[in-house]
Amino acid sequence: MKNLSKARQAFLYAAPFPPLAFFKVWASLNPGPVALTFAAWAMLAYCVVLLLIARRWDKPNYFDWAVFAYFALASFFLLFMPGHVSSLFLLYPVTGIYACLFSAAF
C-alpha cells in the first residue's frame, strides 16, 4: 500500500457515502422515474470518477466497488424498467445503503 496523506486517506474513506446519501434523499422527495434515472446515472458517473481516483492513489476498496455495483444495477434497471424500479426506490430508499454495506462486509 502506498503512503497516502491524511487528507487523501480521509477522502478515499468518505467519498463513497455522498452518492448513497444524495440518492436516498432524492428518492425520498418522490421524483418521477426520469429524474430518478438521471440521478442514478449521475451517481454512477461519480462512482466511476471515484474508482479512477482510488486506483490512481491507492486501490479501490470493497465499499467503492459495492457502491459502484449498486448504481450500475440501479441505472441499468431504471433505464429499461423505469416505472416498476422507480417505485421500489421510492418505497425503500434506505435499502440500497444497507445493501452496499452488507455486500462490502460480506
PDB file of N, CA and C in Angstrom:
ATOM      1  N   MET A   1       0.829  -1.163   0.000  1.00  0.00           N
ATOM      2  CA  MET A   1       0.000   0.000   0.000  1.00  0.00           C
ATOM      3  C   MET A   1       0.879   1.233   0.000  1.00  0.00           C
ATOM      4  N   LYS A   2       0.475   2.212  -0.773  1.00  0.00           N
ATOM      5  CA  LYS A   2       1.230   3.452  -0.857  1.00  0.00           C
ATOM      6  C   LYS A   2       1.012   4.287   0.400  1.00  0.00           C
ATOM      7  N   ASN A   3       1.993   5.117   0.721  1.00  0.00           N
ATOM      8  CA  ASN A   3       1.824   6.055   1.824  1.00  0.00           C
ATOM      9  C   ASN A   3       1.021   7.248   1.324  1.00  0.00           C
ATOM     10  N   LEU A   4      -0.177   7.381   1.849  1.00  0.00           N
ATOM     11  CA  LEU A   4      -1.049   8.472   1.447  1.00  0.00           C
ATOM     12  C   LEU A   4      -1.097   9.525   2.541  1.00  0.00           C
ATOM     13  N   SER A   5      -1.319  10.751   2.124  1.00  0.00           N
ATOM     14  CA  SER A   5      -1.501  11.807   3.114  1.00  0.00           C
ATOM     15  C   SER A   5      -2.828  11.569   3.843  1.00  0.00           C
ATOM     16  N   LYS A   6      -2.962  12.180   5.003  1.00  0.00           N
ATOM     17  CA  LYS A   6      -4.189  12.026   5.794  1.00  0.00           C
ATOM     18  C   LYS A   6      -5.404  12.541   5.032  1.00  0.00           C
ATOM     19  N   ALA A   7      -5.226  13.613   4.269  1.00  0.00           N
ATOM     20  CA  ALA A   7      -6.338  14.179   3.504  1.00  0.00           C
ATOM     21  C   ALA A   7      -6.809  13.200   2.428  1.00  0.00           C
ATOM     22  N   ARG A   8      -5.878  12.572   1.734  1.00  0.00           N
ATOM     23  CA  ARG A   8      -6.253  11.602   0.701  1.00  0.00           C
ATOM     24  C   ARG A   8      -6.900  10.369   1.313  1.00  0.00           C
ATOM     25  N   GLN A   9      -6.382   9.899   2.444  1.00  0.00           N
ATOM     26  CA  GLN A   9      -6.998   8.763   3.124  1.00  0.00           C
ATOM     27  C   GLN A   9      -8.425   9.101   3.537  1.00  0.00           C
ATOM     28  N   ALA A  10      -8.619  10.277   4.114  1.00  0.00           N
ATOM     29  CA  ALA A  10      -9.947  10.696   4.540  1.00  0.00           C
ATOM     30  C   ALA A  10     -10.896  10.791   3.345  1.00  0.00           C
ATOM     31  N   PHE A  11     -10.391  11.325   2.237  1.00  0.00           N
ATOM     32  CA  PHE A  11     -11.218  11.420   1.040  1.00  0.00           C
ATOM     33  C   PHE A  11     -11.628  10.033   0.547  1.00  0.00           C
ATOM     34  N   LEU A  12     -10.675   9.115   0.470  1.00  0.00           N
ATOM     35  CA  LEU A  12     -10.984   7.778  -0.024  1.00  0.00           C
ATOM     36  C   LEU A  12     -11.943   7.026   0.886  1.00  0.00           C
ATOM     37  N   TYR A  13     -11.877   7.276   2.181  1.00  0.00           N
ATOM     38  CA  TYR A  13     -12.795   6.618   3.112  1.00  0.00           C
ATOM     39  C   TYR A  13     -14.197   7.232   3.049  1.00  0.00           C
ATOM     40  N   ALA A  14     -14.285   8.528   2.866  1.00  0.00           N
ATOM     41  CA  ALA A  14     -15.578   9.216   2.930  1.00  0.00           C
ATOM     42  C   ALA A  14     -16.277   9.347   1.579  1.00  0.00           C
ATOM     43  N   ALA A  15     -15.559   9.270   0.498  1.00  0.00           N
ATOM     44  CA  ALA A  15     -16.118   9.569  -0.819  1.00  0.00           C
ATOM     45  C   ALA A  15     -17.259   8.658  -1.269  1.00  0.00           C
ATOM     46  N   PRO A  16     -17.310   7.380  -0.899  1.00  0.00           N
ATOM     47  CA  PRO A  16     -18.436   6.562  -1.362  1.00  0.00           C
ATOM     48  C   PRO A  16     -19.781   6.896  -0.700  1.00  0.00           C
ATOM     49  N   PHE A  17     -19.786   7.589   0.420  1.00  0.00           N
ATOM     50  CA  PHE A  17     -21.031   7.842   1.138  1.00  0.00           C
ATOM     51  C   PHE A  17     -21.919   8.924   0.521  1.00  0.00           C
ATOM     52  N   PRO A  18     -21.377  10.027  -0.013  1.00  0.00           N
ATOM     53  CA  PRO A  18     -22.262  11.073  -0.560  1.00  0.00           C
ATOM     54  C   PRO A  18     -23.229  10.603  -1.653  1.00  0.00           C
ATOM     55  N   PRO A  19     -22.831   9.759  -2.617  1.00  0.00           N
ATOM     56  CA  PRO A  19     -23.834   9.366  -3.612  1.00  0.00           C
ATOM     57  C   PRO A  19     -24.976   8.556  -3.001  1.00  0.00           C
ATOM     58  N   LEU A  20     -24.668   7.727  -2.007  1.00  0.00           N
ATOM     59  CA  LEU A  20     -25.736   6.965  -1.354  1.00  0.00           C
ATOM     60  C   LEU A  20     -26.687   7.886  -0.603  1.00  0.00           C
ATOM     61  N   ALA A  21     -26.125   8.845   0.134  1.00  0.00           N
ATOM     62  CA  ALA A  21     -26.956   9.781   0.886  1.00  0.00           C
ATOM     63  C   ALA A  21     -27.781  10.655  -0.063  1.00  0.00           C
ATOM     64  N   PHE A  22     -27.150  11.159  -1.113  1.00  0.00           N
ATOM     65  CA  PHE A  22     -27.871  12.001  -2.068  1.00  0.00           C
ATOM     66  C   PHE A  22     -29.004  11.225  -2.722  1.00  0.00           C
ATOM     67  N   PHE A  23     -28.731  10.005  -3.144  1.00  0.00           N
ATOM     68  CA  PHE A  23     -29.748   9.208  -3.832  1.00  0.00           C
ATOM     69  C   PHE A  23     -30.902   8.880  -2.898  1.00  0.00           C
ATOM     70  N   LYS A  24     -30.598   8.616  -1.628  1.00  0.00           N
ATOM     71  CA  LYS A  24     -31.648   8.343  -0.641  1.00  0.00           C
ATOM     72  C   LYS A  24     -32.519   9.578  -0.450  1.00  0.00           C
ATOM     73  N   VAL A  25     -31.904  10.735  -0.293  1.00  0.00           N
ATOM     74  CA  VAL A  25     -32.658  11.974  -0.115  1.00  0.00           C
ATOM     75  C   VAL A  25     -33.459  12.287  -1.378  1.00  0.00           C
ATOM     76  N   TRP A  26     -32.847  12.113  -2.522  1.00  0.00           N
ATOM     77  CA  TRP A  26     -33.524  12.376  -3.788  1.00  0.00           C
ATOM     78  C   TRP A  26     -34.740  11.466  -3.946  1.00  0.00           C
ATOM     79  N   ALA A  27     -34.586  10.191  -3.614  1.00  0.00           N
ATOM     80  CA  ALA A  27     -35.697   9.253  -3.737  1.00  0.00           C
ATOM     81  C   ALA A  27     -36.807   9.586  -2.745  1.00  0.00           C
ATOM     82  N   SER A  28     -36.454  10.100  -1.587  1.00  0.00           N
ATOM     83  CA  SER A  28     -37.484  10.429  -0.600  1.00  0.00           C
ATOM     84  C   SER A  28     -38.290  11.662  -0.993  1.00  0.00           C
ATOM     85  N   LEU A  29     -37.806  12.452  -1.946  1.00  0.00           N
ATOM     86  CA  LEU A  29     -38.546  13.618  -2.436  1.00  0.00           C
ATOM     87  C   LEU A  29     -39.595  13.245  -3.473  1.00  0.00           C
ATOM     88  N   ASN A  30     -39.701  11.961  -3.782  1.00  0.00           N
ATOM     89  CA  ASN A  30     -40.702  11.419  -4.704  1.00  0.00           C
ATOM     90  C   ASN A  30     -40.591  12.010  -6.107  1.00  0.00           C
ATOM     91  N   PRO A  31     -39.402  11.909  -6.734  1.00  0.00           N
ATOM     92  CA  PRO A  31     -39.270  12.411  -8.107  1.00  0.00           C
ATOM     93  C   PRO A  31     -39.896  11.423  -9.088  1.00  0.00           C
ATOM     94  N   GLY A  32     -40.032  11.842 -10.294  1.00  0.00           N
ATOM     95  CA  GLY A  32     -40.538  10.950 -11.328  1.00  0.00           C
ATOM     96  C   GLY A  32     -39.467   9.963 -11.763  1.00  0.00           C
ATOM     97  N   PRO A  33     -39.858   8.949 -12.537  1.00  0.00           N
ATOM     98  CA  PRO A  33     -38.892   7.950 -12.998  1.00  0.00           C
ATOM     99  C   PRO A  33     -37.740   8.536 -13.813  1.00  0.00           C
ATOM    100  N   VAL A  34     -38.005   9.550 -14.613  1.00  0.00           N
ATOM    101  CA  VAL A  34     -36.950  10.149 -15.442  1.00  0.00           C
ATOM    102  C   VAL A  34     -35.922  10.858 -14.560  1.00  0.00           C
ATOM    103  N   ALA A  35     -36.399  11.606 -13.580  1.00  0.00           N
ATOM    104  CA  ALA A  35     -35.484  12.309 -12.675  1.00  0.00           C
ATOM    105  C   ALA A  35     -34.678  11.329 -11.838  1.00  0.00           C
ATOM    106  N   LEU A  36     -35.313  10.247 -11.408  1.00  0.00           N
ATOM    107  CA  LEU A  36     -34.604   9.235 -10.630  1.00  0.00           C
ATOM    108  C   LEU A  36     -33.556   8.522 -11.484  1.00  0.00           C
ATOM    109  N   THR A  37     -33.894   8.253 -12.731  1.00  0.00           N
ATOM    110  CA  THR A  37     -32.936   7.629 -13.646  1.00  0.00           C
ATOM    111  C   THR A  37     -31.745   8.548 -13.891  1.00  0.00           C
ATOM    112  N   PHE A  38     -31.998   9.825 -14.094  1.00  0.00           N
ATOM    113  CA  PHE A  38     -30.917  10.787 -14.292  1.00  0.00           C
ATOM    114  C   PHE A  38     -30.010  10.838 -13.060  1.00  0.00           C
ATOM    115  N   ALA A  39     -30.619  10.856 -11.875  1.00  0.00           N
ATOM    116  CA  ALA A  39     -29.830  10.884 -10.633  1.00  0.00           C
ATOM    117  C   ALA A  39     -28.980   9.625 -10.493  1.00  0.00           C
ATOM    118  N   ALA A  40     -29.539   8.476 -10.844  1.00  0.00           N
ATOM    119  CA  ALA A  40     -28.778   7.223 -10.750  1.00  0.00           C
ATOM    120  C   ALA A  40     -27.588   7.238 -11.709  1.00  0.00           C
ATOM    121  N   TRP A  41     -27.787   7.734 -12.922  1.00  0.00           N
ATOM    122  CA  TRP A  41     -26.680   7.808 -13.883  1.00  0.00           C
ATOM    123  C   TRP A  41     -25.626   8.821 -13.437  1.00  0.00           C
ATOM    124  N   ALA A  42     -26.068   9.914 -12.829  1.00  0.00           N
ATOM    125  CA  ALA A  42     -25.108  10.893 -12.313  1.00  0.00           C
ATOM    126  C   ALA A  42     -24.282  10.295 -11.172  1.00  0.00           C
ATOM    127  N   MET A  43     -24.923   9.528 -10.302  1.00  0.00           N
ATOM    128  CA  MET A  43     -24.202   8.888  -9.197  1.00  0.00           C
ATOM    129  C   MET A  43     -23.268   7.794  -9.720  1.00  0.00           C
ATOM    130  N   LEU A  44     -23.659   7.131 -10.799  1.00  0.00           N
ATOM    131  CA  LEU A  44     -22.774   6.142 -11.415  1.00  0.00           C
ATOM    132  C   LEU A  44     -21.532   6.825 -11.987  1.00  0.00           C
ATOM    133  N   ALA A  45     -21.711   7.969 -12.616  1.00  0.00           N
ATOM    134  CA  ALA A  45     -20.560   8.722 -13.135  1.00  0.00           C
ATOM    135  C   ALA A  45     -19.641   9.148 -11.997  1.00  0.00           C
ATOM    136  N   TYR A  46     -20.219   9.585 -10.884  1.00  0.00           N
ATOM    137  CA  TYR A  46     -19.432   9.932  -9.698  1.00  0.00           C
ATOM    138  C   TYR A  46     -18.629   8.727  -9.215  1.00  0.00           C
ATOM    139  N   CYS A  47     -19.259   7.557  -9.207  1.00  0.00           N
ATOM    140  CA  CYS A  47     -18.569   6.342  -8.748  1.00  0.00           C
ATOM    141  C   CYS A  47     -17.426   5.956  -9.683  1.00  0.00           C
ATOM    142  N   VAL A  48     -17.611   6.150 -10.970  1.00  0.00           N
ATOM    143  CA  VAL A  48     -16.540   5.856 -11.921  1.00  0.00           C
ATOM    144  C   VAL A  48     -15.348   6.770 -11.665  1.00  0.00           C
ATOM    145  N   VAL A  49     -15.617   8.053 -11.461  1.00  0.00           N
ATOM    146  CA  VAL A  49     -14.537   9.003 -11.153  1.00  0.00           C
ATOM    147  C   VAL A  49     -13.861   8.609  -9.845  1.00  0.00           C
ATOM    148  N   LEU A  50     -14.646   8.232  -8.855  1.00  0.00           N
ATOM    149  CA  LEU A  50     -14.090   7.806  -7.574  1.00  0.00           C
ATOM    150  C   LEU A  50     -13.197   6.576  -7.735  1.00  0.00           C
ATOM    151  N   LEU A  51     -13.621   5.601  -8.523  1.00  0.00           N
ATOM    152  CA  LEU A  51     -12.793   4.412  -8.757  1.00  0.00           C
ATOM    153  C   LEU A  51     -11.487   4.775  -9.460  1.00  0.00           C
ATOM    154  N   LEU A  52     -11.561   5.692 -10.406  1.00  0.00           N
ATOM    155  CA  LEU A  52     -10.337   6.108 -11.096  1.00  0.00           C
ATOM    156  C   LEU A  52      -9.379   6.819 -10.139  1.00  0.00           C
ATOM    157  N   ILE A  53      -9.909   7.678  -9.296  1.00  0.00           N
ATOM    158  CA  ILE A  53      -9.066   8.368  -8.311  1.00  0.00           C
ATOM    159  C   ILE A  53      -8.474   7.373  -7.331  1.00  0.00           C
ATOM    160  N   ALA A  54      -9.299   6.450  -6.847  1.00  0.00           N
ATOM    161  CA  ALA A  54      -8.812   5.450  -5.895  1.00  0.00           C
ATOM    162  C   ALA A  54      -7.744   4.563  -6.526  1.00  0.00           C
ATOM    163  N   ARG A  55      -7.926   4.211  -7.780  1.00  0.00           N
ATOM    164  CA  ARG A  55      -6.922   3.381  -8.464  1.00  0.00           C
ATOM    165  C   ARG A  55      -5.617   4.144  -8.659  1.00  0.00           C
ATOM    166  N   ARG A  56      -5.727   5.428  -8.928  1.00  0.00           N
ATOM    167  CA  ARG A  56      -4.522   6.236  -9.137  1.00  0.00           C
ATOM    168  C   ARG A  56      -3.750   6.434  -7.833  1.00  0.00           C
ATOM    169  N   TRP A  57      -4.478   6.686  -6.748  1.00  0.00           N
ATOM    170  CA  TRP A  57      -3.824   6.966  -5.474  1.00  0.00           C
ATOM    171  C   TRP A  57      -3.422   5.705  -4.729  1.00  0.00           C
ATOM    172  N   ASP A  58      -4.267   4.719  -4.729  1.00  0.00           N
ATOM    173  CA  ASP A  58      -4.002   3.504  -3.950  1.00  0.00           C
ATOM    174  C   ASP A  58      -4.663   2.326  -4.647  1.00  0.00           C
ATOM    175  N   LYS A  59      -5.805   1.902  -4.169  1.00  0.00           N
ATOM    176  CA  LYS A  59      -6.618   0.901  -4.844  1.00  0.00           C
ATOM    177  C   LYS A  59      -8.035   1.018  -4.308  1.00  0.00           C
ATOM    178  N   PRO A  60      -9.029   0.735  -5.149  1.00  0.00           N
ATOM    179  CA  PRO A  60     -10.406   0.793  -4.674  1.00  0.00           C
ATOM    180  C   PRO A  60     -10.661  -0.284  -3.617  1.00  0.00           C
ATOM    181  N   ASN A  61     -11.451   0.054  -2.613  1.00  0.00           N
ATOM    182  CA  ASN A  61     -11.775  -0.936  -1.594  1.00  0.00           C
ATOM    183  C   ASN A  61     -13.117  -1.589  -1.917  1.00  0.00           C
ATOM    184  N   TYR A  62     -13.523  -2.516  -1.074  1.00  0.00           N
ATOM    185  CA  TYR A  62     -14.763  -3.256  -1.327  1.00  0.00           C
ATOM    186  C   TYR A  62     -15.989  -2.351  -1.334  1.00  0.00           C
ATOM    187  N   PHE A  63     -15.986  -1.360  -0.464  1.00  0.00           N
ATOM    188  CA  PHE A  63     -17.141  -0.461  -0.414  1.00  0.00           C
ATOM    189  C   PHE A  63     -17.240   0.382  -1.675  1.00  0.00           C
ATOM    190  N   ASP A  64     -16.112   0.806  -2.226  1.00  0.00           N
ATOM    191  CA  ASP A  64     -16.126   1.535  -3.502  1.00  0.00           C
ATOM    192  C   ASP A  64     -16.781   0.692  -4.588  1.00  0.00           C
ATOM    193  N   TRP A  65     -16.385  -0.570  -4.657  1.00  0.00           N
ATOM    194  CA  TRP A  65     -16.947  -1.475  -5.665  1.00  0.00           C
ATOM    195  C   TRP A  65     -18.418  -1.767  -5.404  1.00  0.00           C
ATOM    196  N   ALA A  66     -18.801  -1.893  -4.143  1.00  0.00           N
ATOM    197  CA  ALA A  66     -20.201  -2.165  -3.810  1.00  0.00           C
ATOM    198  C   ALA A  66     -21.099  -0.995  -4.211  1.00  0.00           C
ATOM    199  N   VAL A  67     -20.661   0.216  -3.939  1.00  0.00           N
ATOM    200  CA  VAL A  67     -21.448   1.394  -4.309  1.00  0.00           C
ATOM    201  C   VAL A  67     -21.512   1.519  -5.830  1.00  0.00           C
ATOM    202  N   PHE A  68     -20.402   1.267  -6.496  1.00  0.00           N
ATOM    203  CA  PHE A  68     -20.396   1.285  -7.963  1.00  0.00           C
ATOM    204  C   PHE A  68     -21.373   0.246  -8.518  1.00  0.00           C
ATOM    205  N   ALA A  69     -21.342  -0.972  -7.998  1.00  0.00           N
ATOM    206  CA  ALA A  69     -22.237  -2.028  -8.481  1.00  0.00           C
ATOM    207  C   ALA A  69     -23.702  -1.668  -8.225  1.00  0.00           C
ATOM    208  N   TYR A  70     -23.978  -1.081  -7.083  1.00  0.00           N
ATOM    209  CA  TYR A  70     -25.347  -0.665  -6.762  1.00  0.00           C
ATOM    210  C   TYR A  70     -25.862   0.339  -7.783  1.00  0.00           C
ATOM    211  N   PHE A  71     -25.064   1.367  -8.079  1.00  0.00           N
ATOM    212  CA  PHE A  71     -25.523   2.369  -9.029  1.00  0.00           C
ATOM    213  C   PHE A  71     -25.494   1.864 -10.467  1.00  0.00           C
ATOM    214  N   ALA A  72     -24.605   0.933 -10.777  1.00  0.00           N
ATOM    215  CA  ALA A  72     -24.622   0.333 -12.114  1.00  0.00           C
ATOM    216  C   ALA A  72     -25.915  -0.459 -12.310  1.00  0.00           C
ATOM    217  N   LEU A  73     -26.277  -1.268 -11.327  1.00  0.00           N
ATOM    218  CA  LEU A  73     -27.521  -2.039 -11.421  1.00  0.00           C
ATOM    219  C   LEU A  73     -28.746  -1.126 -11.394  1.00  0.00           C
ATOM    220  N   ALA A  74     -28.728  -0.135 -10.508  1.00  0.00           N
ATOM    221  CA  ALA A  74     -29.859   0.794 -10.432  1.00  0.00           C
ATOM    222  C   ALA A  74     -30.036   1.538 -11.751  1.00  0.00           C
ATOM    223  N   SER A  75     -28.953   2.023 -12.332  1.00  0.00           N
ATOM    224  CA  SER A  75     -29.032   2.751 -13.595  1.00  0.00           C
ATOM    225  C   SER A  75     -29.537   1.870 -14.724  1.00  0.00           C
ATOM    226  N   PHE A  76     -29.021   0.648 -14.778  1.00  0.00           N
ATOM    227  CA  PHE A  76     -29.430  -0.287 -15.827  1.00  0.00           C
ATOM    228  C   PHE A  76     -30.922  -0.603 -15.726  1.00  0.00           C
ATOM    229  N   PHE A  77     -31.380  -0.963 -14.518  1.00  0.00           N
ATOM    230  CA  PHE A  77     -32.784  -1.328 -14.363  1.00  0.00           C
ATOM    231  C   PHE A  77     -33.720  -0.127 -14.497  1.00  0.00           C
ATOM    232  N   LEU A  78     -33.289   1.055 -14.053  1.00  0.00           N
ATOM    233  CA  LEU A  78     -34.106   2.245 -14.238  1.00  0.00           C
ATOM    234  C   LEU A  78     -34.201   2.635 -15.709  1.00  0.00           C
ATOM    235  N   LEU A  79     -33.189   2.313 -16.471  1.00  0.00           N
ATOM    236  CA  LEU A  79     -33.214   2.626 -17.895  1.00  0.00           C
ATOM    237  C   LEU A  79     -34.216   1.748 -18.643  1.00  0.00           C
ATOM    238  N   PHE A  80     -34.301   0.469 -18.285  1.00  0.00           N
ATOM    239  CA  PHE A  80     -35.135  -0.465 -19.027  1.00  0.00           C
ATOM    240  C   PHE A  80     -36.498  -0.740 -18.391  1.00  0.00           C
ATOM    241  N   MET A  81     -36.635  -0.506 -17.089  1.00  0.00           N
ATOM    242  CA  MET A  81     -37.921  -0.702 -16.412  1.00  0.00           C
ATOM    243  C   MET A  81     -38.178   0.461 -15.451  1.00  0.00           C
ATOM    244  N   PRO A  82     -38.289   1.675 -15.962  1.00  0.00           N
ATOM    245  CA  PRO A  82     -38.325   2.838 -15.072  1.00  0.00           C
ATOM    246  C   PRO A  82     -39.522   2.874 -14.126  1.00  0.00           C
ATOM    247  N   GLY A  83     -40.682   2.501 -14.572  1.00  0.00           N
ATOM    248  CA  GLY A  83     -41.869   2.594 -13.730  1.00  0.00           C
ATOM    249  C   GLY A  83     -41.816   1.684 -12.520  1.00  0.00           C
ATOM    250  N   HIS A  84     -41.537   0.420 -12.756  1.00  0.00           N
ATOM    251  CA  HIS A  84     -41.532  -0.564 -11.669  1.00  0.00           C
ATOM    252  C   HIS A  84     -40.362  -0.333 -10.713  1.00  0.00           C
ATOM    253  N   VAL A  85     -39.188  -0.120 -11.246  1.00  0.00           N
ATOM    254  CA  VAL A  85     -37.990   0.018 -10.413  1.00  0.00           C
ATOM    255  C   VAL A  85     -38.016   1.333  -9.637  1.00  0.00           C
ATOM    256  N   SER A  86     -38.487   2.404 -10.256  1.00  0.00           N
ATOM    257  CA  SER A  86     -38.535   3.677  -9.521  1.00  0.00           C
ATOM    258  C   SER A  86     -39.497   3.593  -8.353  1.00  0.00           C
ATOM    259  N   SER A  87     -40.577   2.837  -8.490  1.00  0.00           N
ATOM    260  CA  SER A  87     -41.496   2.684  -7.355  1.00  0.00           C
ATOM    261  C   SER A  87     -40.824   1.929  -6.211  1.00  0.00           C
ATOM    262  N   LEU A  88     -39.946   0.979  -6.526  1.00  0.00           N
ATOM    263  CA  LEU A  88     -39.200   0.281  -5.468  1.00  0.00           C
ATOM    264  C   LEU A  88     -38.247   1.229  -4.749  1.00  0.00           C
ATOM    265  N   PHE A  89     -37.566   2.084  -5.501  1.00  0.00           N
ATOM    266  CA  PHE A  89     -36.651   3.046  -4.881  1.00  0.00           C
ATOM    267  C   PHE A  89     -37.408   4.074  -4.040  1.00  0.00           C
ATOM    268  N   LEU A  90     -38.612   4.424  -4.471  1.00  0.00           N
ATOM    269  CA  LEU A  90     -39.400   5.388  -3.709  1.00  0.00           C
ATOM    270  C   LEU A  90     -39.939   4.768  -2.418  1.00  0.00           C
ATOM    271  N   LEU A  91     -40.262   3.485  -2.460  1.00  0.00           N
ATOM    272  CA  LEU A  91     -40.780   2.815  -1.259  1.00  0.00           C
ATOM    273  C   LEU A  91     -39.676   2.443  -0.277  1.00  0.00           C
ATOM    274  N   TYR A  92     -38.521   2.056  -0.796  1.00  0.00           N
ATOM    275  CA  TYR A  92     -37.425   1.559   0.049  1.00  0.00           C
ATOM    276  C   TYR A  92     -36.109   2.280  -0.257  1.00  0.00           C
ATOM    277  N   PRO A  93     -36.016   3.575   0.021  1.00  0.00           N
ATOM    278  CA  PRO A  93     -34.799   4.307  -0.357  1.00  0.00           C
ATOM    279  C   PRO A  93     -33.572   3.949   0.493  1.00  0.00           C
ATOM    280  N   VAL A  94     -33.750   3.492   1.715  1.00  0.00           N
ATOM    281  CA  VAL A  94     -32.618   3.194   2.598  1.00  0.00           C
ATOM    282  C   VAL A  94     -32.047   1.805   2.325  1.00  0.00           C
ATOM    283  N   THR A  95     -32.817   0.960   1.684  1.00  0.00           N
ATOM    284  CA  THR A  95     -32.387  -0.407   1.444  1.00  0.00           C
ATOM    285  C   THR A  95     -31.095  -0.473   0.641  1.00  0.00           C
ATOM    286  N   GLY A  96     -30.903   0.428  -0.285  1.00  0.00           N
ATOM    287  CA  GLY A  96     -29.677   0.452  -1.087  1.00  0.00           C
ATOM    288  C   GLY A  96     -28.440   0.698  -0.242  1.00  0.00           C
ATOM    289  N   ILE A  97     -28.569   1.564   0.743  1.00  0.00           N
ATOM    290  CA  ILE A  97     -27.436   1.834   1.633  1.00  0.00           C
ATOM    291  C   ILE A  97     -27.066   0.574   2.397  1.00  0.00           C
ATOM    292  N   TYR A  98     -28.074  -0.084   2.945  1.00  0.00           N
ATOM    293  CA  TYR A  98     -27.806  -1.307   3.693  1.00  0.00           C
ATOM    294  C   TYR A  98     -27.295  -2.429   2.791  1.00  0.00           C
ATOM    295  N   ALA A  99     -27.781  -2.480   1.557  1.00  0.00           N
ATOM    296  CA  ALA A  99     -27.295  -3.496   0.616  1.00  0.00           C
ATOM    297  C   ALA A  99     -25.816  -3.284   0.314  1.00  0.00           C
ATOM    298  N   CYS A 100     -25.411  -2.037   0.148  1.00  0.00           N
ATOM    299  CA  CYS A 100     -23.998  -1.736  -0.109  1.00  0.00           C
ATOM    300  C   CYS A 100     -23.138  -2.085   1.106  1.00  0.00           C
ATOM    301  N   LEU A 101     -23.600  -1.727   2.271  1.00  0.00           N
ATOM    302  CA  LEU A 101     -22.847  -2.048   3.486  1.00  0.00           C
ATOM    303  C   LEU A 101     -22.720  -3.554   3.677  1.00  0.00           C
ATOM    304  N   PHE A 102     -23.816  -4.275   3.465  1.00  0.00           N
ATOM    305  CA  PHE A 102     -23.775  -5.719   3.631  1.00  0.00           C
ATOM    306  C   PHE A 102     -22.872  -6.376   2.599  1.00  0.00           C
ATOM    307  N   SER A 103     -22.985  -5.965   1.340  1.00  0.00           N
ATOM    308  CA  SER A 103     -22.166  -6.609   0.303  1.00  0.00           C
ATOM    309  C   SER A 103     -20.692  -6.309   0.496  1.00  0.00           C
ATOM    310  N   ALA A 104     -20.348  -5.110   0.960  1.00  0.00           N
ATOM    311  CA  ALA A 104     -18.949  -4.790   1.218  1.00  0.00           C
ATOM    312  C   ALA A 104     -18.424  -5.591   2.411  1.00  0.00           C
ATOM    313  N   ALA A 105     -19.253  -5.781   3.424  1.00  0.00           N
ATOM    314  CA  ALA A 105     -18.821  -6.543   4.598  1.00  0.00           C
ATOM    315  C   ALA A 105     -18.747  -8.036   4.290  1.00  0.00           C
ATOM    316  N   PHE A 106     -19.634  -8.515   3.419  1.00  0.00           N
ATOM    317  CA  PHE A 106     -19.670  -9.937   3.102  1.00  0.00           C
ATOM    318  C   PHE A 106     -18.430 -10.325   2.329  1.00  0.00           C
TER     319      PHE A 106
END
